[in-house]
């Protein structure tokens, strides 16, 4: 069975929520809220903590992502590749998916329609 861990970041009005679910050596990190200048460092730090596992970043709950958020994802992805680890994205909302396409990050970082699809696939580096 999967283990769930809710991460609270101590804000009065949380702008970012992170929920971690384990599936063997895989981790699904469900991200919610806004990934922006204020929250991107928190997301990046948490992604670095998970390195060494196959990480699926489920973005279904992300309502907004700016260049700082994209930068955190790109930097984490580069760090993962350097360590021969695997990090992919899943279920971005249309506005975030469009941003990934416009910046061509969807050709650099694996993007899947669902977290389940990402888990079923082999490593994508």
PDB file of N, CA and C in Angstrom:
ATOM      1  N   UNK A   1       0.820  -1.202   0.000  1.00  0.00           N
ATOM      2  CA  UNK A   1       0.000   0.000   0.000  1.00  0.00           C
ATOM      3  C   UNK A   1       0.857   1.256   0.000  1.00  0.00           C
ATOM      4  N   UNK A   2       0.349   2.274  -0.605  1.00  0.00           N
ATOM      5  CA  UNK A   2       1.077   3.542  -0.697  1.00  0.00           C
ATOM      6  C   UNK A   2       1.080   4.244   0.654  1.00  0.00           C
ATOM      7  N   UNK A   3       2.165   4.946   0.918  1.00  0.00           N
ATOM      8  CA  UNK A   3       2.243   5.753   2.131  1.00  0.00           C
ATOM      9  C   UNK A   3       2.012   7.200   1.731  1.00  0.00           C
ATOM     10  N   UNK A   4       1.185   7.881   2.480  1.00  0.00           N
ATOM     11  CA  UNK A   4       0.910   9.283   2.203  1.00  0.00           C
ATOM     12  C   UNK A   4       1.577  10.149   3.254  1.00  0.00           C
ATOM     13  N   UNK A   5       2.106  11.259   2.805  1.00  0.00           N
ATOM     14  CA  UNK A   5       2.735  12.203   3.722  1.00  0.00           C
ATOM     15  C   UNK A   5       2.343  13.602   3.273  1.00  0.00           C
ATOM     16  N   UNK A   6       1.655  14.332   4.123  1.00  0.00           N
ATOM     17  CA  UNK A   6       1.248  15.697   3.791  1.00  0.00           C
ATOM     18  C   UNK A   6       2.326  16.658   4.296  1.00  0.00           C
ATOM     19  N   UNK A   7       2.761  17.531   3.456  1.00  0.00           N
ATOM     20  CA  UNK A   7       3.800  18.486   3.800  1.00  0.00           C
ATOM     21  C   UNK A   7       3.137  19.846   4.050  1.00  0.00           C
ATOM     22  N   UNK A   8       3.270  20.359   5.252  1.00  0.00           N
ATOM     23  CA  UNK A   8       2.721  21.674   5.575  1.00  0.00           C
ATOM     24  C   UNK A   8       3.869  22.665   5.625  1.00  0.00           C
ATOM     25  N   UNK A   9       3.702  23.761   4.964  1.00  0.00           N
ATOM     26  CA  UNK A   9       4.774  24.747   4.881  1.00  0.00           C
ATOM     27  C   UNK A   9       4.533  25.970   5.756  1.00  0.00           C
ATOM     28  N   UNK A  10       3.572  25.916   6.684  1.00  0.00           N
ATOM     29  CA  UNK A  10       3.415  26.937   7.694  1.00  0.00           C
ATOM     30  C   UNK A  10       2.916  28.291   7.231  1.00  0.00           C
ATOM     31  N   UNK A  11       2.253  28.362   6.124  1.00  0.00           N
ATOM     32  CA  UNK A  11       1.674  29.630   5.678  1.00  0.00           C
ATOM     33  C   UNK A  11       0.242  29.729   6.159  1.00  0.00           C
ATOM     34  N   UNK A  12      -0.205  30.954   6.425  1.00  0.00           N
ATOM     35  CA  UNK A  12      -1.605  31.142   6.812  1.00  0.00           C
ATOM     36  C   UNK A  12      -2.523  30.752   5.658  1.00  0.00           C
ATOM     37  N   UNK A  13      -2.194  31.176   4.456  1.00  0.00           N
ATOM     38  CA  UNK A  13      -2.952  30.816   3.266  1.00  0.00           C
ATOM     39  C   UNK A  13      -2.001  30.049   2.351  1.00  0.00           C
ATOM     40  N   UNK A  14      -2.029  28.733   2.395  1.00  0.00           N
ATOM     41  CA  UNK A  14      -1.037  27.985   1.633  1.00  0.00           C
ATOM     42  C   UNK A  14      -1.138  28.255   0.138  1.00  0.00           C
ATOM     43  N   UNK A  15      -0.011  28.619  -0.452  1.00  0.00           N
ATOM     44  CA  UNK A  15       0.061  28.850  -1.883  1.00  0.00           C
ATOM     45  C   UNK A  15       0.546  27.602  -2.605  1.00  0.00           C
ATOM     46  N   UNK A  16       1.158  26.693  -1.867  1.00  0.00           N
ATOM     47  CA  UNK A  16       1.706  25.478  -2.446  1.00  0.00           C
ATOM     48  C   UNK A  16       1.435  24.324  -1.495  1.00  0.00           C
ATOM     49  N   UNK A  17       0.938  23.240  -2.033  1.00  0.00           N
ATOM     50  CA  UNK A  17       0.789  22.035  -1.220  1.00  0.00           C
ATOM     51  C   UNK A  17       1.538  20.906  -1.910  1.00  0.00           C
ATOM     52  N   UNK A  18       2.170  20.075  -1.104  1.00  0.00           N
ATOM     53  CA  UNK A  18       2.934  18.929  -1.597  1.00  0.00           C
ATOM     54  C   UNK A  18       2.474  17.692  -0.837  1.00  0.00           C
ATOM     55  N   UNK A  19       2.057  16.702  -1.574  1.00  0.00           N
ATOM     56  CA  UNK A  19       1.667  15.429  -0.982  1.00  0.00           C
ATOM     57  C   UNK A  19       2.489  14.344  -1.634  1.00  0.00           C
ATOM     58  N   UNK A  20       3.107  13.517  -0.826  1.00  0.00           N
ATOM     59  CA  UNK A  20       4.009  12.477  -1.310  1.00  0.00           C
ATOM     60  C   UNK A  20       3.358  11.118  -1.126  1.00  0.00           C
ATOM     61  N   UNK A  21       3.361  10.329  -2.201  1.00  0.00           N
ATOM     62  CA  UNK A  21       2.796   8.987  -2.153  1.00  0.00           C
ATOM     63  C   UNK A  21       3.841   8.016  -2.704  1.00  0.00           C
ATOM     64  N   UNK A  22       4.120   6.962  -1.949  1.00  0.00           N
ATOM     65  CA  UNK A  22       5.156   6.006  -2.344  1.00  0.00           C
ATOM     66  C   UNK A  22       4.550   4.763  -2.973  1.00  0.00           C
ATOM     67  N   UNK A  23       5.205   4.307  -4.042  1.00  0.00           N
ATOM     68  CA  UNK A  23       4.858   3.065  -4.727  1.00  0.00           C
ATOM     69  C   UNK A  23       6.163   2.309  -4.946  1.00  0.00           C
ATOM     70  N   UNK A  24       6.600   1.526  -3.963  1.00  0.00           N
ATOM     71  CA  UNK A  24       7.881   0.833  -4.074  1.00  0.00           C
ATOM     72  C   UNK A  24       9.003   1.851  -4.139  1.00  0.00           C
ATOM     73  N   UNK A  25       9.810   1.786  -5.222  1.00  0.00           N
ATOM     74  CA  UNK A  25      10.905   2.746  -5.363  1.00  0.00           C
ATOM     75  C   UNK A  25      10.485   3.990  -6.153  1.00  0.00           C
ATOM     76  N   UNK A  26       9.193   4.138  -6.388  1.00  0.00           N
ATOM     77  CA  UNK A  26       8.641   5.305  -7.072  1.00  0.00           C
ATOM     78  C   UNK A  26       7.977   6.232  -6.059  1.00  0.00           C
ATOM     79  N   UNK A  27       8.046   7.510  -6.344  1.00  0.00           N
ATOM     80  CA  UNK A  27       7.365   8.512  -5.532  1.00  0.00           C
ATOM     81  C   UNK A  27       6.509   9.362  -6.459  1.00  0.00           C
ATOM     82  N   UNK A  28       5.249   9.537  -6.088  1.00  0.00           N
ATOM     83  CA  UNK A  28       4.396  10.505  -6.779  1.00  0.00           C
ATOM     84  C   UNK A  28       4.291  11.706  -5.867  1.00  0.00           C
ATOM     85  N   UNK A  29       4.743  12.841  -6.363  1.00  0.00           N
ATOM     86  CA  UNK A  29       4.661  14.087  -5.619  1.00  0.00           C
ATOM     87  C   UNK A  29       3.522  14.894  -6.227  1.00  0.00           C
ATOM     88  N   UNK A  30       2.428  14.981  -5.491  1.00  0.00           N
ATOM     89  CA  UNK A  30       1.260  15.731  -5.976  1.00  0.00           C
ATOM     90  C   UNK A  30       1.414  17.185  -5.536  1.00  0.00           C
ATOM     91  N   UNK A  31       1.465  18.051  -6.518  1.00  0.00           N
ATOM     92  CA  UNK A  31       1.696  19.472  -6.280  1.00  0.00           C
ATOM     93  C   UNK A  31       0.386  20.219  -6.492  1.00  0.00           C
ATOM     94  N   UNK A  32       0.073  21.111  -5.575  1.00  0.00           N
ATOM     95  CA  UNK A  32      -1.137  21.908  -5.702  1.00  0.00           C
ATOM     96  C   UNK A  32      -0.854  23.372  -5.452  1.00  0.00           C
ATOM     97  N   UNK A  33      -1.680  24.223  -6.031  1.00  0.00           N
ATOM     98  CA  UNK A  33      -1.557  25.658  -5.815  1.00  0.00           C
ATOM     99  C   UNK A  33      -0.728  26.321  -6.885  1.00  0.00           C
ATOM    100  N   UNK A  34       0.042  27.319  -6.467  1.00  0.00           N
ATOM    101  CA  UNK A  34       0.828  28.121  -7.395  1.00  0.00           C
ATOM    102  C   UNK A  34       2.309  27.809  -7.250  1.00  0.00           C
ATOM    103  N   UNK A  35       2.967  27.619  -8.383  1.00  0.00           N
ATOM    104  CA  UNK A  35       4.414  27.422  -8.403  1.00  0.00           C
ATOM    105  C   UNK A  35       4.994  28.692  -9.020  1.00  0.00           C
ATOM    106  N   UNK A  36       5.489  29.556  -8.152  1.00  0.00           N
ATOM    107  CA  UNK A  36       5.943  30.871  -8.597  1.00  0.00           C
ATOM    108  C   UNK A  36       7.212  31.268  -7.847  1.00  0.00           C
ATOM    109  N   UNK A  37       7.563  32.538  -7.954  1.00  0.00           N
ATOM    110  CA  UNK A  37       8.775  33.061  -7.329  1.00  0.00           C
ATOM    111  C   UNK A  37       8.859  32.715  -5.846  1.00  0.00           C
ATOM    112  N   UNK A  38       7.723  32.742  -5.156  1.00  0.00           N
ATOM    113  CA  UNK A  38       7.704  32.505  -3.717  1.00  0.00           C
ATOM    114  C   UNK A  38       7.754  31.026  -3.355  1.00  0.00           C
ATOM    115  N   UNK A  39       7.179  30.173  -4.182  1.00  0.00           N
ATOM    116  CA  UNK A  39       7.044  28.760  -3.822  1.00  0.00           C
ATOM    117  C   UNK A  39       8.013  27.836  -4.551  1.00  0.00           C
ATOM    118  N   UNK A  40       8.595  28.299  -5.657  1.00  0.00           N
ATOM    119  CA  UNK A  40       9.491  27.451  -6.443  1.00  0.00           C
ATOM    120  C   UNK A  40      10.675  26.906  -5.631  1.00  0.00           C
ATOM    121  N   UNK A  41      11.305  27.697  -4.754  1.00  0.00           N
ATOM    122  CA  UNK A  41      12.413  27.143  -3.972  1.00  0.00           C
ATOM    123  C   UNK A  41      11.987  25.967  -3.077  1.00  0.00           C
ATOM    124  N   UNK A  42      10.780  26.027  -2.545  1.00  0.00           N
ATOM    125  CA  UNK A  42      10.264  24.930  -1.715  1.00  0.00           C
ATOM    126  C   UNK A  42      10.082  23.673  -2.552  1.00  0.00           C
ATOM    127  N   UNK A  43       9.498  23.824  -3.743  1.00  0.00           N
ATOM    128  CA  UNK A  43       9.320  22.678  -4.632  1.00  0.00           C
ATOM    129  C   UNK A  43      10.668  22.095  -5.021  1.00  0.00           C
ATOM    130  N   UNK A  44      11.615  22.939  -5.413  1.00  0.00           N
ATOM    131  CA  UNK A  44      12.936  22.462  -5.803  1.00  0.00           C
ATOM    132  C   UNK A  44      13.612  21.710  -4.655  1.00  0.00           C
ATOM    133  N   UNK A  45      13.597  22.268  -3.461  1.00  0.00           N
ATOM    134  CA  UNK A  45      14.232  21.616  -2.312  1.00  0.00           C
ATOM    135  C   UNK A  45      13.617  20.253  -2.051  1.00  0.00           C
ATOM    136  N   UNK A  46      12.306  20.163  -2.166  1.00  0.00           N
ATOM    137  CA  UNK A  46      11.648  18.880  -1.919  1.00  0.00           C
ATOM    138  C   UNK A  46      11.977  17.879  -3.012  1.00  0.00           C
ATOM    139  N   UNK A  47      12.072  18.321  -4.261  1.00  0.00           N
ATOM    140  CA  UNK A  47      12.452  17.411  -5.351  1.00  0.00           C
ATOM    141  C   UNK A  47      13.866  16.874  -5.135  1.00  0.00           C
ATOM    142  N   UNK A  48      14.767  17.732  -4.686  1.00  0.00           N
ATOM    143  CA  UNK A  48      16.140  17.298  -4.420  1.00  0.00           C
ATOM    144  C   UNK A  48      16.173  16.255  -3.308  1.00  0.00           C
ATOM    145  N   UNK A  49      15.325  16.425  -2.291  1.00  0.00           N
ATOM    146  CA  UNK A  49      15.246  15.445  -1.201  1.00  0.00           C
ATOM    147  C   UNK A  49      14.834  14.060  -1.700  1.00  0.00           C
ATOM    148  N   UNK A  50      14.078  14.004  -2.779  1.00  0.00           N
ATOM    149  CA  UNK A  50      13.568  12.726  -3.297  1.00  0.00           C
ATOM    150  C   UNK A  50      14.526  12.053  -4.272  1.00  0.00           C
ATOM    151  N   UNK A  51      15.627  12.715  -4.615  1.00  0.00           N
ATOM    152  CA  UNK A  51      16.543  12.175  -5.611  1.00  0.00           C
ATOM    153  C   UNK A  51      17.022  10.783  -5.220  1.00  0.00           C
ATOM    154  N   UNK A  52      17.169   9.942  -6.213  1.00  0.00           N
ATOM    155  CA  UNK A  52      17.545   8.554  -5.974  1.00  0.00           C
ATOM    156  C   UNK A  52      16.359   7.628  -6.152  1.00  0.00           C
ATOM    157  N   UNK A  53      15.181   8.198  -6.237  1.00  0.00           N
ATOM    158  CA  UNK A  53      13.954   7.463  -6.497  1.00  0.00           C
ATOM    159  C   UNK A  53      13.419   7.952  -7.826  1.00  0.00           C
ATOM    160  N   UNK A  54      12.570   7.167  -8.453  1.00  0.00           N
ATOM    161  CA  UNK A  54      11.892   7.642  -9.659  1.00  0.00           C
ATOM    162  C   UNK A  54      10.750   8.528  -9.198  1.00  0.00           C
ATOM    163  N   UNK A  55      10.756   9.779  -9.611  1.00  0.00           N
ATOM    164  CA  UNK A  55       9.782  10.754  -9.130  1.00  0.00           C
ATOM    165  C   UNK A  55       8.851  11.178 -10.257  1.00  0.00           C
ATOM    166  N   UNK A  56       7.562  11.078  -9.973  1.00  0.00           N
ATOM    167  CA  UNK A  56       6.525  11.576 -10.866  1.00  0.00           C
ATOM    168  C   UNK A  56       5.942  12.812 -10.192  1.00  0.00           C
ATOM    169  N   UNK A  57       6.067  13.953 -10.838  1.00  0.00           N
ATOM    170  CA  UNK A  57       5.536  15.201 -10.301  1.00  0.00           C
ATOM    171  C   UNK A  57       4.140  15.382 -10.899  1.00  0.00           C
ATOM    172  N   UNK A  58       3.126  15.080 -10.094  1.00  0.00           N
ATOM    173  CA  UNK A  58       1.742  15.188 -10.539  1.00  0.00           C
ATOM    174  C   UNK A  58       1.316  16.646 -10.392  1.00  0.00           C
ATOM    175  N   UNK A  59       1.104  17.308 -11.522  1.00  0.00           N
ATOM    176  CA  UNK A  59       0.820  18.740 -11.529  1.00  0.00           C
ATOM    177  C   UNK A  59      -0.657  19.058 -11.715  1.00  0.00           C
ATOM    178  N   UNK A  60      -1.512  18.069 -11.532  1.00  0.00           N
ATOM    179  CA  UNK A  60      -2.951  18.280 -11.740  1.00  0.00           C
ATOM    180  C   UNK A  60      -3.507  19.388 -10.860  1.00  0.00           C
ATOM    181  N   UNK A  61      -2.918  19.597  -9.703  1.00  0.00           N
ATOM    182  CA  UNK A  61      -3.414  20.612  -8.779  1.00  0.00           C
ATOM    183  C   UNK A  61      -2.755  21.976  -8.920  1.00  0.00           C
ATOM    184  N   UNK A  62      -1.864  22.110  -9.897  1.00  0.00           N
ATOM    185  CA  UNK A  62      -1.160  23.385 -10.073  1.00  0.00           C
ATOM    186  C   UNK A  62      -2.030  24.327 -10.894  1.00  0.00           C
ATOM    187  N   UNK A  63      -2.434  25.423 -10.270  1.00  0.00           N
ATOM    188  CA  UNK A  63      -3.299  26.392 -10.944  1.00  0.00           C
ATOM    189  C   UNK A  63      -2.512  27.452 -11.703  1.00  0.00           C
ATOM    190  N   UNK A  64      -1.236  27.642 -11.322  1.00  0.00           N
ATOM    191  CA  UNK A  64      -0.420  28.684 -11.934  1.00  0.00           C
ATOM    192  C   UNK A  64       1.039  28.291 -11.836  1.00  0.00           C
ATOM    193  N   UNK A  65       1.803  28.557 -12.898  1.00  0.00           N
ATOM    194  CA  UNK A  65       3.243  28.315 -12.887  1.00  0.00           C
ATOM    195  C   UNK A  65       3.897  29.434 -13.683  1.00  0.00           C
ATOM    196  N   UNK A  66       4.887  30.103 -13.074  1.00  0.00           N
ATOM    197  CA  UNK A  66       5.597  31.159 -13.787  1.00  0.00           C
ATOM    198  C   UNK A  66       7.012  30.705 -14.129  1.00  0.00           C
ATOM    199  N   UNK A  67       7.835  31.630 -14.605  1.00  0.00           N
ATOM    200  CA  UNK A  67       9.189  31.271 -15.030  1.00  0.00           C
ATOM    201  C   UNK A  67      10.033  30.736 -13.878  1.00  0.00           C
ATOM    202  N   UNK A  68       9.776  31.186 -12.669  1.00  0.00           N
ATOM    203  CA  UNK A  68      10.513  30.654 -11.510  1.00  0.00           C
ATOM    204  C   UNK A  68      10.154  29.194 -11.274  1.00  0.00           C
ATOM    205  N   UNK A  69       8.882  28.869 -11.438  1.00  0.00           N
ATOM    206  CA  UNK A  69       8.446  27.485 -11.312  1.00  0.00           C
ATOM    207  C   UNK A  69       9.064  26.604 -12.376  1.00  0.00           C
ATOM    208  N   UNK A  70       9.058  27.096 -13.618  1.00  0.00           N
ATOM    209  CA  UNK A  70       9.702  26.347 -14.703  1.00  0.00           C
ATOM    210  C   UNK A  70      11.185  26.173 -14.419  1.00  0.00           C
ATOM    211  N   UNK A  71      11.815  27.227 -13.926  1.00  0.00           N
ATOM    212  CA  UNK A  71      13.235  27.148 -13.597  1.00  0.00           C
ATOM    213  C   UNK A  71      13.526  26.095 -12.545  1.00  0.00           C
ATOM    214  N   UNK A  72      12.664  26.006 -11.534  1.00  0.00           N
ATOM    215  CA  UNK A  72      12.846  24.980 -10.492  1.00  0.00           C
ATOM    216  C   UNK A  72      12.727  23.587 -11.077  1.00  0.00           C
ATOM    217  N   UNK A  73      11.759  23.384 -11.964  1.00  0.00           N
ATOM    218  CA  UNK A  73      11.581  22.066 -12.597  1.00  0.00           C
ATOM    219  C   UNK A  73      12.767  21.722 -13.491  1.00  0.00           C
ATOM    220  N   UNK A  74      13.237  22.680 -14.275  1.00  0.00           N
ATOM    221  CA  UNK A  74      14.373  22.438 -15.168  1.00  0.00           C
ATOM    222  C   UNK A  74      15.634  22.132 -14.374  1.00  0.00           C
ATOM    223  N   UNK A  75      15.887  22.922 -13.338  1.00  0.00           N
ATOM    224  CA  UNK A  75      17.087  22.706 -12.523  1.00  0.00           C
ATOM    225  C   UNK A  75      17.032  21.354 -11.823  1.00  0.00           C
ATOM    226  N   UNK A  76      15.887  21.005 -11.274  1.00  0.00           N
ATOM    227  CA  UNK A  76      15.740  19.692 -10.631  1.00  0.00           C
ATOM    228  C   UNK A  76      15.941  18.583 -11.649  1.00  0.00           C
ATOM    229  N   UNK A  77      15.368  18.725 -12.835  1.00  0.00           N
ATOM    230  CA  UNK A  77      15.518  17.705 -13.879  1.00  0.00           C
ATOM    231  C   UNK A  77      16.990  17.529 -14.251  1.00  0.00           C
ATOM    232  N   UNK A  78      17.722  18.638 -14.392  1.00  0.00           N
ATOM    233  CA  UNK A  78      19.162  18.559 -14.691  1.00  0.00           C
ATOM    234  C   UNK A  78      19.906  17.843 -13.572  1.00  0.00           C
ATOM    235  N   UNK A  79      19.567  18.169 -12.322  1.00  0.00           N
ATOM    236  CA  UNK A  79      20.203  17.508 -11.179  1.00  0.00           C
ATOM    237  C   UNK A  79      19.929  16.009 -11.204  1.00  0.00           C
ATOM    238  N   UNK A  80      18.702  15.635 -11.510  1.00  0.00           N
ATOM    239  CA  UNK A  80      18.336  14.225 -11.589  1.00  0.00           C
ATOM    240  C   UNK A  80      19.142  13.535 -12.688  1.00  0.00           C
ATOM    241  N   UNK A  81      19.238  14.152 -13.849  1.00  0.00           N
ATOM    242  CA  UNK A  81      19.979  13.542 -14.957  1.00  0.00           C
ATOM    243  C   UNK A  81      21.446  13.358 -14.592  1.00  0.00           C
ATOM    244  N   UNK A  82      22.022  14.341 -13.903  1.00  0.00           N
ATOM    245  CA  UNK A  82      23.419  14.247 -13.478  1.00  0.00           C
ATOM    246  C   UNK A  82      23.636  13.037 -12.576  1.00  0.00           C
ATOM    247  N   UNK A  83      22.650  12.728 -11.757  1.00  0.00           N
ATOM    248  CA  UNK A  83      22.741  11.600 -10.823  1.00  0.00           C
ATOM    249  C   UNK A  83      22.152  10.316 -11.410  1.00  0.00           C
ATOM    250  N   UNK A  84      21.864  10.306 -12.721  1.00  0.00           N
ATOM    251  CA  UNK A  84      21.260   9.147 -13.387  1.00  0.00           C
ATOM    252  C   UNK A  84      19.927   8.761 -12.745  1.00  0.00           C
ATOM    253  N   UNK A  85      19.197   9.752 -12.286  1.00  0.00           N
ATOM    254  CA  UNK A  85      17.882   9.536 -11.666  1.00  0.00           C
ATOM    255  C   UNK A  85      16.801   9.974 -12.654  1.00  0.00           C
ATOM    256  N   UNK A  86      15.558   9.716 -12.301  1.00  0.00           N
ATOM    257  CA  UNK A  86      14.455   9.960 -13.225  1.00  0.00           C
ATOM    258  C   UNK A  86      13.374  10.813 -12.571  1.00  0.00           C
ATOM    259  N   UNK A  87      13.004  11.894 -13.250  1.00  0.00           N
ATOM    260  CA  UNK A  87      11.924  12.763 -12.814  1.00  0.00           C
ATOM    261  C   UNK A  87      11.082  13.106 -14.030  1.00  0.00           C
ATOM    262  N   UNK A  88       9.778  12.876 -13.930  1.00  0.00           N
ATOM    263  CA  UNK A  88       8.865  13.207 -15.022  1.00  0.00           C
ATOM    264  C   UNK A  88       7.693  14.009 -14.462  1.00  0.00           C
ATOM    265  N   UNK A  89       6.936  14.628 -15.360  1.00  0.00           N
ATOM    266  CA  UNK A  89       5.764  15.405 -14.989  1.00  0.00           C
ATOM    267  C   UNK A  89       4.518  14.666 -15.440  1.00  0.00           C
ATOM    268  N   UNK A  90       3.429  14.882 -14.717  1.00  0.00           N
ATOM    269  CA  UNK A  90       2.166  14.239 -15.084  1.00  0.00           C
ATOM    270  C   UNK A  90       1.012  15.202 -14.880  1.00  0.00           C
ATOM    271  N   UNK A  91       0.018  15.072 -15.731  1.00  0.00           N
ATOM    272  CA  UNK A  91      -1.292  15.715 -15.603  1.00  0.00           C
ATOM    273  C   UNK A  91      -1.278  17.228 -15.455  1.00  0.00           C
ATOM    274  N   UNK A  92      -0.457  17.936 -16.237  1.00  0.00           N
ATOM    275  CA  UNK A  92      -0.528  19.390 -16.120  1.00  0.00           C
ATOM    276  C   UNK A  92      -1.870  19.904 -16.643  1.00  0.00           C
ATOM    277  N   UNK A  93      -2.402  20.913 -15.983  1.00  0.00           N
ATOM    278  CA  UNK A  93      -3.623  21.565 -16.460  1.00  0.00           C
ATOM    279  C   UNK A  93      -3.327  22.233 -17.804  1.00  0.00           C
ATOM    280  N   UNK A  94      -4.361  22.549 -18.574  1.00  0.00           N
ATOM    281  CA  UNK A  94      -4.130  23.133 -19.907  1.00  0.00           C
ATOM    282  C   UNK A  94      -3.223  24.363 -19.917  1.00  0.00           C
ATOM    283  N   UNK A  95      -3.376  25.270 -18.952  1.00  0.00           N
ATOM    284  CA  UNK A  95      -2.527  26.464 -18.940  1.00  0.00           C
ATOM    285  C   UNK A  95      -1.067  26.119 -18.686  1.00  0.00           C
ATOM    286  N   UNK A  96      -0.799  25.141 -17.833  1.00  0.00           N
ATOM    287  CA  UNK A  96       0.577  24.734 -17.549  1.00  0.00           C
ATOM    288  C   UNK A  96       1.116  23.902 -18.717  1.00  0.00           C
ATOM    289  N   UNK A  97       0.296  23.039 -19.288  1.00  0.00           N
ATOM    290  CA  UNK A  97       0.712  22.243 -20.453  1.00  0.00           C
ATOM    291  C   UNK A  97       1.092  23.166 -21.609  1.00  0.00           C
ATOM    292  N   UNK A  98       0.319  24.227 -21.801  1.00  0.00           N
ATOM    293  CA  UNK A  98       0.617  25.197 -22.863  1.00  0.00           C
ATOM    294  C   UNK A  98       1.966  25.851 -22.616  1.00  0.00           C
ATOM    295  N   UNK A  99       2.240  26.233 -21.386  1.00  0.00           N
ATOM    296  CA  UNK A  99       3.517  26.832 -21.022  1.00  0.00           C
ATOM    297  C   UNK A  99       4.674  25.862 -21.296  1.00  0.00           C
ATOM    298  N   UNK A 100       4.479  24.603 -20.957  1.00  0.00           N
ATOM    299  CA  UNK A 100       5.511  23.589 -21.214  1.00  0.00           C
ATOM    300  C   UNK A 100       5.757  23.441 -22.721  1.00  0.00           C
ATOM    301  N   UNK A 101       4.680  23.493 -23.515  1.00  0.00           N
ATOM    302  CA  UNK A 101       4.824  23.394 -24.975  1.00  0.00           C
ATOM    303  C   UNK A 101       5.513  24.633 -25.548  1.00  0.00           C
ATOM    304  N   UNK A 102       5.071  25.830 -25.131  1.00  0.00           N
ATOM    305  CA  UNK A 102       5.637  27.077 -25.660  1.00  0.00           C
ATOM    306  C   UNK A 102       7.132  27.198 -25.381  1.00  0.00           C
ATOM    307  N   UNK A 103       7.549  26.720 -24.226  1.00  0.00           N
ATOM    308  CA  UNK A 103       8.960  26.790 -23.846  1.00  0.00           C
ATOM    309  C   UNK A 103       9.735  25.556 -24.309  1.00  0.00           C
ATOM    310  N   UNK A 104       9.032  24.618 -24.918  1.00  0.00           N
ATOM    311  CA  UNK A 104       9.580  23.351 -25.411  1.00  0.00           C
ATOM    312  C   UNK A 104      10.157  22.480 -24.302  1.00  0.00           C
ATOM    313  N   UNK A 105       9.738  22.733 -23.069  1.00  0.00           N
ATOM    314  CA  UNK A 105      10.187  21.891 -21.963  1.00  0.00           C
ATOM    315  C   UNK A 105       9.568  20.506 -22.031  1.00  0.00           C
ATOM    316  N   UNK A 106       8.425  20.398 -22.714  1.00  0.00           N
ATOM    317  CA  UNK A 106       7.807  19.074 -22.853  1.00  0.00           C
ATOM    318  C   UNK A 106       8.646  18.144 -23.723  1.00  0.00           C
ATOM    319  N   UNK A 107       9.629  18.692 -24.451  1.00  0.00           N
ATOM    320  CA  UNK A 107      10.531  17.845 -25.228  1.00  0.00           C
ATOM    321  C   UNK A 107      11.804  17.509 -24.440  1.00  0.00           C
ATOM    322  N   UNK A 108      11.977  18.160 -23.289  1.00  0.00           N
ATOM    323  CA  UNK A 108      13.151  17.928 -22.441  1.00  0.00           C
ATOM    324  C   UNK A 108      12.789  17.053 -21.247  1.00  0.00           C
ATOM    325  N   UNK A 109      11.668  17.369 -20.616  1.00  0.00           N
ATOM    326  CA  UNK A 109      11.187  16.621 -19.454  1.00  0.00           C
ATOM    327  C   UNK A 109      10.009  15.773 -19.909  1.00  0.00           C
ATOM    328  N   UNK A 110      10.009  14.502 -19.555  1.00  0.00           N
ATOM    329  CA  UNK A 110       8.886  13.639 -19.907  1.00  0.00           C
ATOM    330  C   UNK A 110       7.597  14.148 -19.286  1.00  0.00           C
ATOM    331  N   UNK A 111       6.539  14.237 -20.097  1.00  0.00           N
ATOM    332  CA  UNK A 111       5.237  14.702 -19.616  1.00  0.00           C
ATOM    333  C   UNK A 111       4.197  13.648 -19.975  1.00  0.00           C
ATOM    334  N   UNK A 112       3.436  13.199 -18.980  1.00  0.00           N
ATOM    335  CA  UNK A 112       2.420  12.168 -19.160  1.00  0.00           C
ATOM    336  C   UNK A 112       1.050  12.724 -18.821  1.00  0.00           C
ATOM    337  N   UNK A 113       0.023  12.118 -19.400  1.00  0.00           N
ATOM    338  CA  UNK A 113      -1.351  12.572 -19.161  1.00  0.00           C
ATOM    339  C   UNK A 113      -1.799  12.336 -17.723  1.00  0.00           C
ATOM    340  N   UNK A 114      -1.333  11.230 -17.120  1.00  0.00           N
ATOM    341  CA  UNK A 114      -1.720  10.905 -15.746  1.00  0.00           C
ATOM    342  C   UNK A 114      -0.509  10.375 -14.985  1.00  0.00           C
ATOM    343  N   UNK A 115      -0.590  10.427 -13.663  1.00  0.00           N
ATOM    344  CA  UNK A 115       0.473   9.854 -12.835  1.00  0.00           C
ATOM    345  C   UNK A 115       0.537   8.344 -13.027  1.00  0.00           C
ATOM    346  N   UNK A 116      -0.622   7.716 -13.189  1.00  0.00           N
ATOM    347  CA  UNK A 116      -0.657   6.266 -13.387  1.00  0.00           C
ATOM    348  C   UNK A 116       0.079   5.871 -14.664  1.00  0.00           C
ATOM    349  N   UNK A 117      -0.105   6.653 -15.732  1.00  0.00           N
ATOM    350  CA  UNK A 117       0.600   6.390 -16.991  1.00  0.00           C
ATOM    351  C   UNK A 117       2.100   6.528 -16.799  1.00  0.00           C
ATOM    352  N   UNK A 118       2.508   7.555 -16.067  1.00  0.00           N
ATOM    353  CA  UNK A 118       3.935   7.764 -15.815  1.00  0.00           C
ATOM    354  C   UNK A 118       4.529   6.626 -15.000  1.00  0.00           C
ATOM    355  N   UNK A 119       3.779   6.128 -14.011  1.00  0.00           N
ATOM    356  CA  UNK A 119       4.267   5.015 -13.204  1.00  0.00           C
ATOM    357  C   UNK A 119       4.406   3.736 -14.025  1.00  0.00           C
ATOM    358  N   UNK A 120       3.504   3.558 -14.986  1.00  0.00           N
ATOM    359  CA  UNK A 120       3.497   2.336 -15.798  1.00  0.00           C
ATOM    360  C   UNK A 120       4.648   2.311 -16.804  1.00  0.00           C
ATOM    361  N   UNK A 121       5.139   3.464 -17.169  1.00  0.00           N
ATOM    362  CA  UNK A 121       6.220   3.550 -18.159  1.00  0.00           C
ATOM    363  C   UNK A 121       7.567   3.337 -17.482  1.00  0.00           C
ATOM    364  N   UNK A 122       8.534   2.932 -18.265  1.00  0.00           N
ATOM    365  CA  UNK A 122       9.887   2.797 -17.758  1.00  0.00           C
ATOM    366  C   UNK A 122      10.508   4.172 -17.587  1.00  0.00           C
ATOM    367  N   UNK A 123      11.738   4.210 -17.111  1.00  0.00           N
ATOM    368  CA  UNK A 123      12.417   5.493 -16.907  1.00  0.00           C
ATOM    369  C   UNK A 123      12.463   6.307 -18.190  1.00  0.00           C
ATOM    370  N   UNK A 124      12.260   7.601 -18.040  1.00  0.00           N
ATOM    371  CA  UNK A 124      12.353   8.555 -19.146  1.00  0.00           C
ATOM    372  C   UNK A 124      13.349   9.622 -18.727  1.00  0.00           C
ATOM    373  N   UNK A 125      14.487   9.638 -19.338  1.00  0.00           N
ATOM    374  CA  UNK A 125      15.496  10.629 -18.976  1.00  0.00           C
ATOM    375  C   UNK A 125      15.671  11.561 -20.133  1.00  0.00           C
TER     376      UNK A 125
END
